[in-house]
N, C-alpha and C. Protein backbone atom coordinates (compact mmCIF):
# COMPACT_ATOMS: atom_id res chain seq x y z
N UNK A 1 0.86 -1.17 0.00
CA UNK A 1 0.00 0.00 0.00
C UNK A 1 0.90 1.23 0.00
N UNK A 2 0.55 2.22 -0.80
CA UNK A 2 1.27 3.48 -0.89
C UNK A 2 1.34 4.14 0.50
N UNK A 3 2.48 4.75 0.83
CA UNK A 3 2.67 5.35 2.16
C UNK A 3 1.62 6.42 2.45
N UNK A 4 1.30 7.25 1.46
CA UNK A 4 0.30 8.30 1.69
C UNK A 4 -1.07 7.67 1.98
N UNK A 5 -1.40 6.60 1.28
CA UNK A 5 -2.66 5.91 1.54
C UNK A 5 -2.67 5.35 2.96
N UNK A 6 -1.54 4.81 3.41
CA UNK A 6 -1.44 4.31 4.79
C UNK A 6 -1.67 5.45 5.80
N UNK A 7 -1.05 6.60 5.53
CA UNK A 7 -1.22 7.75 6.42
C UNK A 7 -2.69 8.18 6.48
N UNK A 8 -3.32 8.24 5.32
CA UNK A 8 -4.73 8.64 5.27
C UNK A 8 -5.62 7.62 5.98
N UNK A 9 -5.30 6.34 5.83
CA UNK A 9 -6.07 5.29 6.50
C UNK A 9 -5.97 5.45 8.01
N UNK A 10 -4.77 5.72 8.50
CA UNK A 10 -4.60 5.92 9.94
C UNK A 10 -5.34 7.16 10.42
N UNK A 11 -5.27 8.22 9.62
CA UNK A 11 -5.99 9.44 9.99
C UNK A 11 -7.50 9.23 10.00
N UNK A 12 -7.98 8.30 9.17
CA UNK A 12 -9.42 8.05 9.09
C UNK A 12 -9.91 7.16 10.23
N UNK A 13 -8.99 6.65 11.04
CA UNK A 13 -9.40 5.82 12.17
C UNK A 13 -9.29 4.34 11.91
N UNK A 14 -8.51 3.95 10.92
CA UNK A 14 -8.35 2.53 10.59
C UNK A 14 -7.92 1.73 11.81
N UNK A 15 -7.07 2.32 12.64
CA UNK A 15 -6.57 1.59 13.81
C UNK A 15 -7.64 1.40 14.88
N UNK A 16 -8.81 1.99 14.69
CA UNK A 16 -9.88 1.85 15.67
C UNK A 16 -10.76 0.63 15.43
N UNK A 17 -10.53 -0.07 14.32
CA UNK A 17 -11.32 -1.27 14.03
C UNK A 17 -10.66 -2.44 14.74
N UNK A 18 -11.22 -2.85 15.87
CA UNK A 18 -10.59 -3.91 16.65
C UNK A 18 -10.84 -5.30 16.07
N UNK A 19 -9.97 -6.20 16.41
CA UNK A 19 -10.14 -7.64 16.15
C UNK A 19 -10.19 -8.01 14.67
N UNK A 20 -9.74 -7.15 13.79
CA UNK A 20 -9.73 -7.50 12.38
C UNK A 20 -8.30 -7.82 11.97
N UNK A 21 -8.15 -8.87 11.20
CA UNK A 21 -6.83 -9.25 10.68
C UNK A 21 -6.24 -8.02 9.97
N UNK A 22 -5.03 -7.61 10.34
CA UNK A 22 -4.42 -6.42 9.74
C UNK A 22 -4.33 -6.49 8.21
N UNK A 23 -4.13 -7.69 7.67
CA UNK A 23 -4.05 -7.82 6.20
C UNK A 23 -5.40 -7.53 5.56
N UNK A 24 -6.46 -8.01 6.20
CA UNK A 24 -7.81 -7.75 5.68
C UNK A 24 -8.12 -6.26 5.78
N UNK A 25 -7.76 -5.68 6.91
CA UNK A 25 -7.98 -4.25 7.12
C UNK A 25 -7.25 -3.44 6.05
N UNK A 26 -5.99 -3.81 5.77
CA UNK A 26 -5.21 -3.12 4.75
C UNK A 26 -5.87 -3.25 3.37
N UNK A 27 -6.39 -4.45 3.06
CA UNK A 27 -7.04 -4.67 1.77
C UNK A 27 -8.29 -3.81 1.64
N UNK A 28 -9.07 -3.72 2.71
CA UNK A 28 -10.29 -2.93 2.70
C UNK A 28 -9.97 -1.45 2.49
N UNK A 29 -9.01 -0.94 3.23
CA UNK A 29 -8.69 0.47 3.12
C UNK A 29 -7.95 0.80 1.83
N UNK A 30 -7.18 -0.15 1.31
CA UNK A 30 -6.53 0.09 0.03
C UNK A 30 -7.59 0.18 -1.07
N UNK A 31 -8.58 -0.69 -1.04
CA UNK A 31 -9.66 -0.65 -2.02
C UNK A 31 -10.46 0.65 -1.88
N UNK A 32 -10.72 1.05 -0.65
CA UNK A 32 -11.41 2.31 -0.37
C UNK A 32 -10.64 3.48 -1.00
N UNK A 33 -9.33 3.49 -0.78
CA UNK A 33 -8.49 4.55 -1.33
C UNK A 33 -8.50 4.52 -2.86
N UNK A 34 -8.46 3.33 -3.45
CA UNK A 34 -8.51 3.22 -4.91
C UNK A 34 -9.80 3.80 -5.46
N UNK A 35 -10.90 3.56 -4.76
CA UNK A 35 -12.19 4.09 -5.20
C UNK A 35 -12.21 5.62 -5.12
N UNK A 36 -11.61 6.17 -4.08
CA UNK A 36 -11.53 7.63 -3.96
C UNK A 36 -10.68 8.21 -5.09
N UNK A 37 -9.55 7.58 -5.36
CA UNK A 37 -8.68 8.05 -6.44
C UNK A 37 -9.43 7.97 -7.78
N UNK A 38 -10.17 6.90 -7.99
CA UNK A 38 -10.95 6.76 -9.23
C UNK A 38 -11.97 7.90 -9.36
N UNK A 39 -12.58 8.27 -8.24
CA UNK A 39 -13.52 9.40 -8.25
C UNK A 39 -12.80 10.69 -8.62
N UNK A 40 -11.60 10.90 -8.06
CA UNK A 40 -10.82 12.10 -8.38
C UNK A 40 -10.49 12.13 -9.87
N UNK A 41 -10.12 10.99 -10.42
CA UNK A 41 -9.80 10.92 -11.85
C UNK A 41 -11.04 11.24 -12.69
N UNK A 42 -12.19 10.77 -12.25
CA UNK A 42 -13.43 11.05 -12.98
C UNK A 42 -13.77 12.54 -12.92
N UNK A 43 -13.48 13.17 -11.80
CA UNK A 43 -13.76 14.60 -11.66
C UNK A 43 -12.88 15.40 -12.62
N UNK A 44 -11.67 14.92 -12.88
CA UNK A 44 -10.78 15.61 -13.83
C UNK A 44 -11.31 15.53 -15.25
N UNK A 45 -12.08 14.52 -15.55
CA UNK A 45 -12.59 14.34 -16.92
C UNK A 45 -13.61 15.43 -17.22
N UNK A 46 -13.45 16.03 -18.37
CA UNK A 46 -14.33 17.12 -18.80
C UNK A 46 -14.91 16.75 -20.15
N UNK A 47 -16.20 16.97 -20.31
CA UNK A 47 -16.84 16.71 -21.59
C UNK A 47 -16.61 17.92 -22.50
N UNK A 48 -15.88 17.69 -23.61
CA UNK A 48 -15.57 18.78 -24.53
C UNK A 48 -16.22 18.55 -25.89
N UNK A 49 -17.25 17.71 -25.94
CA UNK A 49 -17.86 17.35 -27.22
C UNK A 49 -18.31 18.56 -28.05
N UNK A 50 -18.85 19.57 -27.42
CA UNK A 50 -19.40 20.72 -28.15
C UNK A 50 -18.43 21.89 -28.25
N UNK A 51 -17.17 21.67 -27.94
CA UNK A 51 -16.20 22.77 -27.94
C UNK A 51 -15.36 22.75 -29.22
N UNK A 52 -14.77 23.91 -29.60
CA UNK A 52 -13.87 23.96 -30.76
C UNK A 52 -12.65 23.07 -30.54
N UNK A 53 -12.07 22.58 -31.62
CA UNK A 53 -10.96 21.63 -31.56
C UNK A 53 -9.77 22.15 -30.76
N UNK A 54 -9.36 23.39 -30.96
CA UNK A 54 -8.21 23.93 -30.22
C UNK A 54 -8.47 23.94 -28.72
N UNK A 55 -9.68 24.31 -28.36
CA UNK A 55 -10.05 24.32 -26.94
C UNK A 55 -10.02 22.90 -26.39
N UNK A 56 -10.56 21.95 -27.16
CA UNK A 56 -10.58 20.54 -26.74
C UNK A 56 -9.17 20.04 -26.46
N UNK A 57 -8.24 20.34 -27.37
CA UNK A 57 -6.87 19.86 -27.20
C UNK A 57 -6.26 20.40 -25.90
N UNK A 58 -6.49 21.67 -25.61
CA UNK A 58 -5.96 22.26 -24.38
C UNK A 58 -6.57 21.63 -23.14
N UNK A 59 -7.87 21.47 -23.15
CA UNK A 59 -8.57 20.88 -22.00
C UNK A 59 -8.14 19.43 -21.80
N UNK A 60 -8.04 18.69 -22.89
CA UNK A 60 -7.64 17.28 -22.79
C UNK A 60 -6.22 17.17 -22.25
N UNK A 61 -5.32 18.05 -22.68
CA UNK A 61 -3.95 18.03 -22.16
C UNK A 61 -3.95 18.27 -20.65
N UNK A 62 -4.67 19.30 -20.20
CA UNK A 62 -4.72 19.62 -18.77
C UNK A 62 -5.38 18.48 -18.00
N UNK A 63 -6.46 17.92 -18.54
CA UNK A 63 -7.16 16.82 -17.89
C UNK A 63 -6.23 15.61 -17.74
N UNK A 64 -5.51 15.27 -18.80
CA UNK A 64 -4.59 14.13 -18.73
C UNK A 64 -3.48 14.38 -17.72
N UNK A 65 -2.98 15.61 -17.68
CA UNK A 65 -1.91 15.94 -16.72
C UNK A 65 -2.45 15.86 -15.29
N UNK A 66 -3.66 16.34 -15.07
CA UNK A 66 -4.29 16.26 -13.76
C UNK A 66 -4.43 14.80 -13.32
N UNK A 67 -4.93 13.97 -14.21
CA UNK A 67 -5.10 12.55 -13.89
C UNK A 67 -3.75 11.88 -13.61
N UNK A 68 -2.74 12.21 -14.40
CA UNK A 68 -1.41 11.62 -14.19
C UNK A 68 -0.83 12.06 -12.84
N UNK A 69 -1.00 13.32 -12.48
CA UNK A 69 -0.52 13.81 -11.19
C UNK A 69 -1.19 13.07 -10.04
N UNK A 70 -2.48 12.84 -10.14
CA UNK A 70 -3.20 12.12 -9.08
C UNK A 70 -2.68 10.69 -8.98
N UNK A 71 -2.52 10.02 -10.11
CA UNK A 71 -2.01 8.64 -10.11
C UNK A 71 -0.62 8.57 -9.49
N UNK A 72 0.24 9.49 -9.88
CA UNK A 72 1.61 9.50 -9.34
C UNK A 72 1.61 9.79 -7.84
N UNK A 73 0.79 10.74 -7.42
CA UNK A 73 0.75 11.12 -6.01
C UNK A 73 0.34 9.94 -5.13
N UNK A 74 -0.65 9.18 -5.59
CA UNK A 74 -1.16 8.06 -4.79
C UNK A 74 -0.54 6.72 -5.17
N UNK A 75 0.34 6.71 -6.16
CA UNK A 75 1.00 5.47 -6.55
C UNK A 75 0.04 4.46 -7.16
N UNK A 76 -0.92 4.95 -7.93
CA UNK A 76 -1.91 4.07 -8.55
C UNK A 76 -1.46 3.76 -9.96
N UNK A 77 -1.42 2.46 -10.28
CA UNK A 77 -1.02 2.04 -11.63
C UNK A 77 -2.18 2.18 -12.59
N UNK A 78 -1.86 2.19 -13.86
CA UNK A 78 -2.90 2.27 -14.91
C UNK A 78 -3.86 1.13 -14.81
């Protein structure tokens, strides 16, 4: 699990779930974090269907860079 994801899991109270196998707990919180990252990536996506081509290219470049930064920050693979 990515170190930042571990930090966020601890901040969210992961250590307060008693009697759960730590490996299972890690799997649950890692999946939770992956879902949050997926939501962030979806928020970066912008519908440019009705926009001029030059505008689309600029927005798509920024959107792709935003998504790549999020993936790199959280250590999420493609």
